[in-house]
Structures are given as C-alpha cells and as structure tokens.
Amino acid sequence: MTTSKASVPQLRRTRLQRWWPTFMVTLTLILVGLLLVLPLLVVLITAFRSGVGPYLQALQTPDTLSALRLSLLTVLIVVPLNTVFGVSAAWATAKFDFPGRSLLLTLIDLPLAVSPVISGLVYVLLFGRQGWLGPWLEANDLKIIFAPAGIILATTFVTFSYVARELIPVMQAQGKDDEEAALTLGASGWQTFTRVTLPNIRWALLYGVIMCNARALGEFGAVSVVSGKIRGLTNTLPLHVEILYNEYQTVAAFAVASLLALFALLTLGLKALIESRTGHSHP
C-alpha cells in the first residue's frame, strides 16, 4: 500500500516531465507565429495586395530611391567607424589595465541605456540653430541638424556599442597568453594583432558588424528627431515608411517596409550562418 501511494506522485512527475517540453515548445511556436511570422506575412500580403506592378512602382519613386540611398550611405559610413572603434575599445579594455578602464566600459554601454529619442534630442541641443554650437555652425555655413550629417552622427551614437560589446567578452575569455607569446618571439604590435588576435575574433567581429548594420539600417527614434523628415533629402527608409503610411498610401508604405523586412531576413540568415560556424548562439 505504501509503495502504491508513493508511486502516484512519481507517476504525476513522469507525466509532467513528458508533457512539459511539448507544452513549452508549442507555446513558443505560437508566440513566435503571432509576434514575428504573422506581422511579416501582413507586410508582404499588404505590399502585394494591388499586384506586382504597383509594388515595383512604389519602390521606384524618386522619394523611395532617395531614402534608400541615404540609408545605405549612413550604413556605409557608420558601420566601418563603429567597427574600428569597437575593435580598438575591445582591444584596450580586454588586453590592458589602465586608469579609467571602468569608466570607458560604462560609456560603451551608454547608448544601450539611453533612449534613442533622447540621444537625438541631445544632438539637437548641441548642433541645432539654438544649440550650444548652433551659432558657430551657422556662421561657418555648416549644417548638421536636418541634414545627412546629423543622421550619420545620431546613428553612429546609437550603434557604436554593438561591435565593442560583442568583442570584449570574447577577448577577455581568450586572455593575453597568445599575444604575449607572439611579442616574446619578436612580433610587432601590428603583427600580433593581425596574425594572432584578429583570426581569433573574426566570427565575433563579423557578428557584431552584422548587428550594427541591422540597427543602423532600421534606426528610427534618433534619426526622426535630427532629420526633419524632408522628403528626398533627409528621409531614411524607416522615416519614409512612416510618411507614406500617414498619407494613407498603404501599399507603398508596406512595399518599402518589405525592403526593411528583406534586410532583416538577410541579417538573420547571416546570424544563423555565423552561429553554425562558431558552434554556439548569440543573444
């Protein structure tokens, strides 16, 4: 009788262990479908609702092409800058001890803690016509706010943590032994970096670059504040989608949004490829 009573809780635990993974997987798939797959399908269905012709026509308008060029220009400038900064910051903080190291790590995390809208507002207060540097910029015929330069600066700020934050833990885990051995054998600092450090961090670096690129291409909050949303001049793709949607040009808005969705899918594909090569996933 005692054995029978003891077996009942054990049987329940066995059933729970059997069904719990199935329940969690099912719940996860439902949430992914509702929050990710369904919105993507809505974008594609709405974009092609009037047919392929209107879809292609919406992508070929001068304002859309201008927004695409500005977005790509921003990415081509911001990503290399943040890559150089990220590698330099990770190298300095992971391989060396120096006064102010903790402060530098805190500043690297600052863009992740500050709202993008606030960061855009800070640039307006600095470089706007009524800002601290506004009179000097206007006197020298330099325009940052409501110009591509402001968009590039704001995007650089909100994305410069990605490469550095991906590399710092990787470099810290690798330690300094390989670099010290190379220096002992007579390698220069540049040779040590290019032949020892860089090959060891190449996949983490590529992952950080991909995520930086994705954020730069899709940034809305900070860019919205500093751009002025001037059609054909300071509209990026996300801003152009908002303007089209507010003007009730639904098909055109979702057609442009499908471009951003395509870039996002390419980013996910590259992310999956890197994870398969490195053998582990990234957050």
C-alpha atoms as a PDB file:
ATOM      1  CA  MET A   1       0.000   0.000   0.000  1.00  0.00           C
ATOM      2  CA  THR A   2       2.827   2.375   0.820  1.00  0.00           C
ATOM      3  CA  THR A   3       4.511   1.645  -2.481  1.00  0.00           C
ATOM      4  CA  SER A   4       1.287   2.375  -4.344  1.00  0.00           C
ATOM      5  CA  LYS A   5       0.863   5.763  -2.646  1.00  0.00           C
ATOM      6  CA  ALA A   6       4.464   6.669  -3.353  1.00  0.00           C
ATOM      7  CA  SER A   7       4.111   5.726  -6.992  1.00  0.00           C
ATOM      8  CA  VAL A   8       1.241   8.166  -7.626  1.00  0.00           C
ATOM      9  CA  PRO A   9       3.357  11.355  -7.216  1.00  0.00           C
ATOM     10  CA  GLN A  10       6.115   9.709  -9.183  1.00  0.00           C
ATOM     11  CA  LEU A  11       3.668   8.930 -11.992  1.00  0.00           C
ATOM     12  CA  ARG A  12       2.489  12.522 -11.999  1.00  0.00           C
ATOM     13  CA  ARG A  13       6.061  13.792 -12.165  1.00  0.00           C
ATOM     14  CA  THR A  14       6.765  11.443 -15.043  1.00  0.00           C
ATOM     15  CA  ARG A  15       3.735  12.722 -16.957  1.00  0.00           C
ATOM     16  CA  LEU A  16       4.695  16.307 -16.213  1.00  0.00           C
ATOM     17  CA  GLN A  17       8.249  15.733 -17.419  1.00  0.00           C
ATOM     18  CA  ARG A  18       6.871  14.141 -20.569  1.00  0.00           C
ATOM     19  CA  TRP A  19       4.373  16.862 -21.469  1.00  0.00           C
ATOM     20  CA  TRP A  20       6.142  19.970 -20.153  1.00  0.00           C
ATOM     21  CA  PRO A  21       8.703  20.244 -23.010  1.00  0.00           C
ATOM     22  CA  THR A  22       5.920  19.736 -25.557  1.00  0.00           C
ATOM     23  CA  PHE A  23       3.845  22.448 -23.910  1.00  0.00           C
ATOM     24  CA  MET A  24       6.740  24.924 -23.796  1.00  0.00           C
ATOM     25  CA  VAL A  25       7.710  24.278 -27.423  1.00  0.00           C
ATOM     26  CA  THR A  26       4.091  24.690 -28.535  1.00  0.00           C
ATOM     27  CA  LEU A  27       3.721  27.915 -26.566  1.00  0.00           C
ATOM     28  CA  THR A  28       6.963  29.262 -28.022  1.00  0.00           C
ATOM     29  CA  LEU A  29       5.885  28.464 -31.569  1.00  0.00           C
ATOM     30  CA  ILE A  30       2.527  30.165 -31.005  1.00  0.00           C
ATOM     31  CA  LEU A  31       4.205  33.325 -29.666  1.00  0.00           C
ATOM     32  CA  VAL A  32       6.735  33.352 -32.498  1.00  0.00           C
ATOM     33  CA  GLY A  33       3.928  32.951 -35.006  1.00  0.00           C
ATOM     34  CA  LEU A  34       1.837  35.759 -33.501  1.00  0.00           C
ATOM     35  CA  LEU A  35       4.642  38.217 -32.800  1.00  0.00           C
ATOM     36  CA  LEU A  36       7.050  37.572 -35.686  1.00  0.00           C
ATOM     37  CA  VAL A  37       5.724  35.458 -38.539  1.00  0.00           C
ATOM     38  CA  LEU A  38       2.220  36.944 -38.700  1.00  0.00           C
ATOM     39  CA  PRO A  39       3.390  40.598 -38.877  1.00  0.00           C
ATOM     40  CA  LEU A  40       5.867  39.648 -41.599  1.00  0.00           C
ATOM     41  CA  LEU A  41       3.103  37.971 -43.584  1.00  0.00           C
ATOM     42  CA  VAL A  42       0.893  41.035 -43.146  1.00  0.00           C
ATOM     43  CA  VAL A  43       3.670  43.234 -44.545  1.00  0.00           C
ATOM     44  CA  LEU A  44       4.155  41.037 -47.600  1.00  0.00           C
ATOM     45  CA  ILE A  45       0.448  40.474 -48.255  1.00  0.00           C
ATOM     46  CA  THR A  46      -0.364  44.172 -47.994  1.00  0.00           C
ATOM     47  CA  ALA A  47       2.628  45.142 -50.133  1.00  0.00           C
ATOM     48  CA  PHE A  48       1.456  42.882 -52.973  1.00  0.00           C
ATOM     49  CA  ARG A  49      -2.258  43.494 -52.424  1.00  0.00           C
ATOM     50  CA  SER A  50      -2.597  45.545 -55.621  1.00  0.00           C
ATOM     51  CA  GLY A  51      -0.259  43.339 -57.642  1.00  0.00           C
ATOM     52  CA  VAL A  52       3.386  43.277 -58.617  1.00  0.00           C
ATOM     53  CA  GLY A  53       3.135  46.398 -60.804  1.00  0.00           C
ATOM     54  CA  PRO A  54       2.126  48.855 -58.061  1.00  0.00           C
ATOM     55  CA  TYR A  55       4.637  47.175 -55.743  1.00  0.00           C
ATOM     56  CA  LEU A  56       7.542  47.787 -58.113  1.00  0.00           C
ATOM     57  CA  GLN A  57       6.257  51.262 -58.910  1.00  0.00           C
ATOM     58  CA  ALA A  58       6.265  52.173 -55.205  1.00  0.00           C
ATOM     59  CA  LEU A  59       9.899  51.088 -54.921  1.00  0.00           C
ATOM     60  CA  GLN A  60      10.955  53.153 -57.939  1.00  0.00           C
ATOM     61  CA  THR A  61       9.609  56.545 -56.923  1.00  0.00           C
ATOM     62  CA  PRO A  62      12.240  59.311 -56.500  1.00  0.00           C
ATOM     63  CA  ASP A  63      11.484  59.684 -52.778  1.00  0.00           C
ATOM     64  CA  THR A  64      11.889  55.954 -52.140  1.00  0.00           C
ATOM     65  CA  LEU A  65      15.159  55.783 -54.071  1.00  0.00           C
ATOM     66  CA  SER A  66      16.430  58.851 -52.216  1.00  0.00           C
ATOM     67  CA  ALA A  67      15.544  57.270 -48.860  1.00  0.00           C
ATOM     68  CA  LEU A  68      17.265  54.052 -49.892  1.00  0.00           C
ATOM     69  CA  ARG A  69      20.423  55.890 -50.944  1.00  0.00           C
ATOM     70  CA  LEU A  70      20.554  57.847 -47.692  1.00  0.00           C
ATOM     71  CA  SER A  71      20.042  54.687 -45.626  1.00  0.00           C
ATOM     72  CA  LEU A  72      22.799  52.867 -47.487  1.00  0.00           C
ATOM     73  CA  LEU A  73      25.117  55.879 -47.249  1.00  0.00           C
ATOM     74  CA  THR A  74      24.548  56.026 -43.500  1.00  0.00           C
ATOM     75  CA  VAL A  75      25.322  52.326 -43.151  1.00  0.00           C
ATOM     76  CA  LEU A  76      28.456  52.586 -45.303  1.00  0.00           C
ATOM     77  CA  ILE A  77      29.813  55.340 -43.046  1.00  0.00           C
ATOM     78  CA  VAL A  78      28.560  54.259 -39.631  1.00  0.00           C
ATOM     79  CA  VAL A  79      29.431  50.558 -39.724  1.00  0.00           C
ATOM     80  CA  PRO A  80      33.144  50.974 -40.615  1.00  0.00           C
ATOM     81  CA  LEU A  81      33.504  53.727 -37.999  1.00  0.00           C
ATOM     82  CA  ASN A  82      31.921  51.605 -35.288  1.00  0.00           C
ATOM     83  CA  THR A  83      33.948  48.588 -36.376  1.00  0.00           C
ATOM     84  CA  VAL A  84      37.217  50.474 -35.924  1.00  0.00           C
ATOM     85  CA  PHE A  85      36.037  51.909 -32.609  1.00  0.00           C
ATOM     86  CA  GLY A  86      34.686  48.568 -31.390  1.00  0.00           C
ATOM     87  CA  VAL A  87      37.882  46.678 -32.143  1.00  0.00           C
ATOM     88  CA  SER A  88      40.017  49.407 -30.574  1.00  0.00           C
ATOM     89  CA  ALA A  89      37.866  49.637 -27.450  1.00  0.00           C
ATOM     90  CA  ALA A  90      37.693  45.854 -27.027  1.00  0.00           C
ATOM     91  CA  TRP A  91      41.451  45.515 -27.532  1.00  0.00           C
ATOM     92  CA  ALA A  92      42.192  48.243 -24.985  1.00  0.00           C
ATOM     93  CA  THR A  93      39.757  47.104 -22.280  1.00  0.00           C
ATOM     94  CA  ALA A  94      40.298  43.348 -22.619  1.00  0.00           C
ATOM     95  CA  LYS A  95      44.070  43.248 -23.022  1.00  0.00           C
ATOM     96  CA  PHE A  96      45.278  46.153 -20.876  1.00  0.00           C
ATOM     97  CA  ASP A  97      44.695  47.607 -17.412  1.00  0.00           C
ATOM     98  CA  PHE A  98      44.740  51.401 -17.253  1.00  0.00           C
ATOM     99  CA  PRO A  99      43.161  54.220 -15.218  1.00  0.00           C
ATOM    100  CA  GLY A 100      39.637  54.939 -16.413  1.00  0.00           C
ATOM    101  CA  ARG A 101      39.040  51.452 -17.792  1.00  0.00           C
ATOM    102  CA  SER A 102      35.792  51.016 -15.825  1.00  0.00           C
ATOM    103  CA  LEU A 103      34.597  54.437 -16.971  1.00  0.00           C
ATOM    104  CA  LEU A 104      35.274  53.507 -20.605  1.00  0.00           C
ATOM    105  CA  LEU A 105      33.261  50.298 -20.227  1.00  0.00           C
ATOM    106  CA  THR A 106      30.400  52.312 -18.754  1.00  0.00           C
ATOM    107  CA  LEU A 107      30.494  54.815 -21.614  1.00  0.00           C
ATOM    108  CA  ILE A 108      30.440  51.966 -24.139  1.00  0.00           C
ATOM    109  CA  ASP A 109      27.171  50.781 -22.596  1.00  0.00           C
ATOM    110  CA  LEU A 110      25.671  54.282 -22.505  1.00  0.00           C
ATOM    111  CA  PRO A 111      23.848  54.145 -25.888  1.00  0.00           C
ATOM    112  CA  LEU A 112      22.149  50.922 -24.804  1.00  0.00           C
ATOM    113  CA  ALA A 113      20.773  52.622 -21.706  1.00  0.00           C
ATOM    114  CA  VAL A 114      19.682  55.927 -23.242  1.00  0.00           C
ATOM    115  CA  SER A 115      16.513  56.216 -25.290  1.00  0.00           C
ATOM    116  CA  PRO A 116      17.275  56.892 -28.977  1.00  0.00           C
ATOM    117  CA  VAL A 117      14.866  59.826 -28.906  1.00  0.00           C
ATOM    118  CA  ILE A 118      16.834  61.376 -26.031  1.00  0.00           C
ATOM    119  CA  SER A 119      20.114  60.908 -27.899  1.00  0.00           C
ATOM    120  CA  GLY A 120      18.620  62.632 -30.934  1.00  0.00           C
ATOM    121  CA  LEU A 121      17.416  65.483 -28.758  1.00  0.00           C
ATOM    122  CA  VAL A 122      20.910  65.877 -27.303  1.00  0.00           C
ATOM    123  CA  TYR A 123      22.299  66.384 -30.807  1.00  0.00           C
ATOM    124  CA  VAL A 124      19.628  68.998 -31.486  1.00  0.00           C
ATOM    125  CA  LEU A 125      20.627  70.823 -28.296  1.00  0.00           C
ATOM    126  CA  LEU A 126      24.264  70.692 -29.370  1.00  0.00           C
ATOM    127  CA  PHE A 127      24.116  71.375 -33.104  1.00  0.00           C
ATOM    128  CA  GLY A 128      20.692  72.944 -33.643  1.00  0.00           C
ATOM    129  CA  ARG A 129      20.234  76.583 -34.579  1.00  0.00           C
ATOM    130  CA  GLN A 130      19.533  77.467 -30.934  1.00  0.00           C
ATOM    131  CA  GLY A 131      22.004  74.897 -29.577  1.00  0.00           C
ATOM    132  CA  TRP A 132      25.400  75.386 -27.981  1.00  0.00           C
ATOM    133  CA  LEU A 133      27.292  75.141 -31.267  1.00  0.00           C
ATOM    134  CA  GLY A 134      24.471  76.347 -33.487  1.00  0.00           C
ATOM    135  CA  PRO A 135      25.579  79.966 -33.962  1.00  0.00           C
ATOM    136  CA  TRP A 136      29.133  78.922 -34.829  1.00  0.00           C
ATOM    137  CA  LEU A 137      27.927  76.305 -37.309  1.00  0.00           C
ATOM    138  CA  GLU A 138      25.569  78.776 -38.938  1.00  0.00           C
ATOM    139  CA  ALA A 139      28.307  81.399 -39.168  1.00  0.00           C
ATOM    140  CA  ASN A 140      30.538  78.898 -40.968  1.00  0.00           C
ATOM    141  CA  ASP A 141      27.733  77.632 -43.207  1.00  0.00           C
ATOM    142  CA  LEU A 142      27.819  74.147 -41.675  1.00  0.00           C
ATOM    143  CA  LYS A 143      24.578  72.253 -41.285  1.00  0.00           C
ATOM    144  CA  ILE A 144      24.243  69.150 -39.126  1.00  0.00           C
ATOM    145  CA  ILE A 145      20.667  69.103 -37.850  1.00  0.00           C
ATOM    146  CA  PHE A 146      18.069  68.476 -40.592  1.00  0.00           C
ATOM    147  CA  ALA A 147      20.899  67.235 -42.815  1.00  0.00           C
ATOM    148  CA  PRO A 148      22.524  63.866 -43.590  1.00  0.00           C
ATOM    149  CA  ALA A 149      25.405  64.701 -41.245  1.00  0.00           C
ATOM    150  CA  GLY A 150      23.048  64.734 -38.261  1.00  0.00           C
ATOM    151  CA  ILE A 151      21.547  61.403 -39.298  1.00  0.00           C
ATOM    152  CA  ILE A 152      25.005  59.855 -39.525  1.00  0.00           C
ATOM    153  CA  LEU A 153      26.055  61.242 -36.137  1.00  0.00           C
ATOM    154  CA  ALA A 154      22.876  60.074 -34.392  1.00  0.00           C
ATOM    155  CA  THR A 155      23.081  56.633 -35.961  1.00  0.00           C
ATOM    156  CA  THR A 156      26.735  56.324 -35.003  1.00  0.00           C
ATOM    157  CA  PHE A 157      25.871  57.054 -31.388  1.00  0.00           C
ATOM    158  CA  VAL A 158      23.047  54.530 -31.056  1.00  0.00           C
ATOM    159  CA  THR A 159      25.016  51.727 -32.746  1.00  0.00           C
ATOM    160  CA  PHE A 160      28.592  52.080 -31.546  1.00  0.00           C
ATOM    161  CA  SER A 161      28.151  49.640 -28.647  1.00  0.00           C
ATOM    162  CA  TYR A 162      27.365  46.582 -30.781  1.00  0.00           C
ATOM    163  CA  VAL A 163      30.803  45.671 -32.113  1.00  0.00           C
ATOM    164  CA  ALA A 164      32.610  46.522 -28.884  1.00  0.00           C
ATOM    165  CA  ARG A 165      30.166  44.624 -26.672  1.00  0.00           C
ATOM    166  CA  GLU A 166      30.431  41.541 -28.863  1.00  0.00           C
ATOM    167  CA  LEU A 167      34.229  41.539 -28.827  1.00  0.00           C
ATOM    168  CA  ILE A 168      35.004  42.445 -25.210  1.00  0.00           C
ATOM    169  CA  PRO A 169      33.836  39.173 -23.565  1.00  0.00           C
ATOM    170  CA  VAL A 170      35.448  37.109 -26.346  1.00  0.00           C
ATOM    171  CA  MET A 171      38.806  38.829 -25.905  1.00  0.00           C
ATOM    172  CA  GLN A 172      38.577  38.587 -22.119  1.00  0.00           C
ATOM    173  CA  ALA A 173      37.901  34.850 -22.336  1.00  0.00           C
ATOM    174  CA  GLN A 174      40.887  34.348 -24.660  1.00  0.00           C
ATOM    175  CA  GLY A 175      43.268  36.078 -22.281  1.00  0.00           C
ATOM    176  CA  LYS A 176      46.671  37.520 -23.136  1.00  0.00           C
ATOM    177  CA  ASP A 177      48.836  34.400 -23.468  1.00  0.00           C
ATOM    178  CA  ASP A 178      48.845  34.203 -27.269  1.00  0.00           C
ATOM    179  CA  GLU A 179      49.661  37.887 -27.703  1.00  0.00           C
ATOM    180  CA  GLU A 180      52.411  37.790 -25.077  1.00  0.00           C
ATOM    181  CA  ALA A 181      53.940  34.735 -26.742  1.00  0.00           C
ATOM    182  CA  ALA A 182      53.937  36.498 -30.124  1.00  0.00           C
ATOM    183  CA  LEU A 183      55.576  39.604 -28.657  1.00  0.00           C
ATOM    184  CA  THR A 184      58.180  37.445 -26.934  1.00  0.00           C
ATOM    185  CA  LEU A 185      59.044  35.865 -30.287  1.00  0.00           C
ATOM    186  CA  GLY A 186      59.687  39.290 -31.783  1.00  0.00           C
ATOM    187  CA  ALA A 187      56.395  40.161 -33.445  1.00  0.00           C
ATOM    188  CA  SER A 188      55.437  43.807 -33.597  1.00  0.00           C
ATOM    189  CA  GLY A 189      52.191  45.108 -32.142  1.00  0.00           C
ATOM    190  CA  TRP A 190      50.549  45.256 -35.583  1.00  0.00           C
ATOM    191  CA  GLN A 191      51.741  41.763 -36.485  1.00  0.00           C
ATOM    192  CA  THR A 192      50.431  40.439 -33.195  1.00  0.00           C
ATOM    193  CA  PHE A 193      47.044  41.975 -33.814  1.00  0.00           C
ATOM    194  CA  THR A 194      46.655  40.920 -37.454  1.00  0.00           C
ATOM    195  CA  ARG A 195      48.104  37.409 -37.123  1.00  0.00           C
ATOM    196  CA  VAL A 196      47.073  36.390 -33.618  1.00  0.00           C
ATOM    197  CA  THR A 197      44.224  38.487 -32.240  1.00  0.00           C
ATOM    198  CA  LEU A 198      42.190  39.149 -35.368  1.00  0.00           C
ATOM    199  CA  PRO A 199      41.919  35.499 -36.514  1.00  0.00           C
ATOM    200  CA  ASN A 200      40.693  34.528 -33.046  1.00  0.00           C
ATOM    201  CA  ILE A 201      37.915  37.121 -33.021  1.00  0.00           C
ATOM    202  CA  ARG A 202      36.873  37.067 -36.679  1.00  0.00           C
ATOM    203  CA  TRP A 203      33.472  35.414 -36.129  1.00  0.00           C
ATOM    204  CA  ALA A 204      32.583  37.576 -33.130  1.00  0.00           C
ATOM    205  CA  LEU A 205      33.668  40.635 -35.117  1.00  0.00           C
ATOM    206  CA  LEU A 206      31.534  39.655 -38.095  1.00  0.00           C
ATOM    207  CA  TYR A 207      28.550  39.062 -35.834  1.00  0.00           C
ATOM    208  CA  GLY A 208      28.962  42.481 -34.225  1.00  0.00           C
ATOM    209  CA  VAL A 209      29.251  44.135 -37.644  1.00  0.00           C
ATOM    210  CA  ILE A 210      26.062  42.423 -38.837  1.00  0.00           C
ATOM    211  CA  MET A 211      24.085  43.528 -35.793  1.00  0.00           C
ATOM    212  CA  CYS A 212      25.469  47.060 -36.052  1.00  0.00           C
ATOM    213  CA  ASN A 213      24.435  47.143 -39.706  1.00  0.00           C
ATOM    214  CA  ALA A 214      20.917  45.925 -38.879  1.00  0.00           C
ATOM    215  CA  ARG A 215      20.428  48.573 -36.192  1.00  0.00           C
ATOM    216  CA  ALA A 216      21.845  51.348 -38.369  1.00  0.00           C
ATOM    217  CA  LEU A 217      19.548  50.462 -41.251  1.00  0.00           C
ATOM    218  CA  GLY A 218      16.428  50.272 -39.110  1.00  0.00           C
ATOM    219  CA  GLU A 219      17.060  53.116 -36.658  1.00  0.00           C
ATOM    220  CA  PHE A 220      14.026  55.376 -36.268  1.00  0.00           C
ATOM    221  CA  GLY A 221      13.922  57.260 -32.953  1.00  0.00           C
ATOM    222  CA  ALA A 222      17.163  59.255 -33.007  1.00  0.00           C
ATOM    223  CA  VAL A 223      17.036  59.779 -36.768  1.00  0.00           C
ATOM    224  CA  SER A 224      13.456  61.020 -36.558  1.00  0.00           C
ATOM    225  CA  VAL A 225      14.492  63.804 -34.186  1.00  0.00           C
ATOM    226  CA  VAL A 226      17.506  65.099 -36.119  1.00  0.00           C
ATOM    227  CA  SER A 227      16.370  64.577 -39.718  1.00  0.00           C
ATOM    228  CA  GLY A 228      13.475  66.997 -40.057  1.00  0.00           C
ATOM    229  CA  LYS A 229      11.833  64.394 -42.354  1.00  0.00           C
ATOM    230  CA  ILE A 230      12.482  66.380 -45.528  1.00  0.00           C
ATOM    231  CA  ARG A 231      11.290  64.282 -48.456  1.00  0.00           C
ATOM    232  CA  GLY A 232      14.016  63.483 -50.918  1.00  0.00           C
ATOM    233  CA  LEU A 233      16.727  64.892 -48.648  1.00  0.00           C
ATOM    234  CA  THR A 234      16.723  63.607 -45.062  1.00  0.00           C
ATOM    235  CA  ASN A 235      14.303  60.691 -45.112  1.00  0.00           C
ATOM    236  CA  THR A 236      15.708  57.247 -44.435  1.00  0.00           C
ATOM    237  CA  LEU A 237      13.701  54.115 -45.231  1.00  0.00           C
ATOM    238  CA  PRO A 238      12.007  53.857 -41.801  1.00  0.00           C
ATOM    239  CA  LEU A 239      11.033  57.534 -41.899  1.00  0.00           C
ATOM    240  CA  HIS A 240       9.772  57.179 -45.457  1.00  0.00           C
ATOM    241  CA  VAL A 241       7.555  54.260 -44.402  1.00  0.00           C
ATOM    242  CA  GLU A 242       6.009  56.404 -41.659  1.00  0.00           C
ATOM    243  CA  ILE A 243       5.294  59.295 -44.028  1.00  0.00           C
ATOM    244  CA  LEU A 244       3.689  57.045 -46.644  1.00  0.00           C
ATOM    245  CA  TYR A 245       1.542  55.348 -44.027  1.00  0.00           C
ATOM    246  CA  ASN A 246       0.411  58.674 -42.525  1.00  0.00           C
ATOM    247  CA  GLU A 247      -0.584  59.787 -46.030  1.00  0.00           C
ATOM    248  CA  TYR A 248      -2.739  56.650 -46.394  1.00  0.00           C
ATOM    249  CA  GLN A 249      -0.506  55.242 -49.119  1.00  0.00           C
ATOM    250  CA  THR A 250      -0.765  51.824 -47.528  1.00  0.00           C
ATOM    251  CA  VAL A 251       0.507  49.705 -50.406  1.00  0.00           C
ATOM    252  CA  ALA A 252       3.516  51.959 -50.970  1.00  0.00           C
ATOM    253  CA  ALA A 253       4.290  52.058 -47.227  1.00  0.00           C
ATOM    254  CA  PHE A 254       4.245  48.279 -46.912  1.00  0.00           C
ATOM    255  CA  ALA A 255       6.204  47.888 -50.146  1.00  0.00           C
ATOM    256  CA  VAL A 256       9.025  49.978 -48.691  1.00  0.00           C
ATOM    257  CA  ALA A 257       8.645  48.146 -45.372  1.00  0.00           C
ATOM    258  CA  SER A 258       9.159  44.877 -47.230  1.00  0.00           C
ATOM    259  CA  LEU A 259      12.644  46.098 -48.167  1.00  0.00           C
ATOM    260  CA  LEU A 260      13.474  46.501 -44.495  1.00  0.00           C
ATOM    261  CA  ALA A 261      11.970  43.065 -43.845  1.00  0.00           C
ATOM    262  CA  LEU A 262      14.188  41.615 -46.568  1.00  0.00           C
ATOM    263  CA  PHE A 263      17.282  43.165 -44.992  1.00  0.00           C
ATOM    264  CA  ALA A 264      16.179  41.751 -41.627  1.00  0.00           C
ATOM    265  CA  LEU A 265      15.821  38.251 -43.087  1.00  0.00           C
ATOM    266  CA  LEU A 266      19.276  38.509 -44.637  1.00  0.00           C
ATOM    267  CA  THR A 267      20.631  39.559 -41.253  1.00  0.00           C
ATOM    268  CA  LEU A 268      19.019  36.543 -39.598  1.00  0.00           C
ATOM    269  CA  GLY A 269      20.457  34.284 -42.275  1.00  0.00           C
ATOM    270  CA  LEU A 270      23.977  35.624 -41.728  1.00  0.00           C
ATOM    271  CA  LYS A 271      23.495  35.339 -37.968  1.00  0.00           C
ATOM    272  CA  ALA A 272      22.469  31.686 -38.299  1.00  0.00           C
ATOM    273  CA  LEU A 273      25.467  31.022 -40.535  1.00  0.00           C
ATOM    274  CA  ILE A 274      27.870  32.504 -38.000  1.00  0.00           C
ATOM    275  CA  GLU A 275      26.299  30.538 -35.157  1.00  0.00           C
ATOM    276  CA  SER A 276      26.641  27.328 -37.135  1.00  0.00           C
ATOM    277  CA  ARG A 277      30.331  28.071 -37.764  1.00  0.00           C
ATOM    278  CA  THR A 278      31.098  29.033 -34.188  1.00  0.00           C
ATOM    279  CA  GLY A 279      29.043  26.231 -32.656  1.00  0.00           C
ATOM    280  CA  HIS A 280      27.085  28.421 -30.233  1.00  0.00           C
ATOM    281  CA  SER A 281      24.318  31.005 -30.333  1.00  0.00           C
ATOM    282  CA  HIS A 282      24.465  34.694 -29.550  1.00  0.00           C
ATOM    283  CA  PRO A 283      21.883  36.661 -27.598  1.00  0.00           C
END
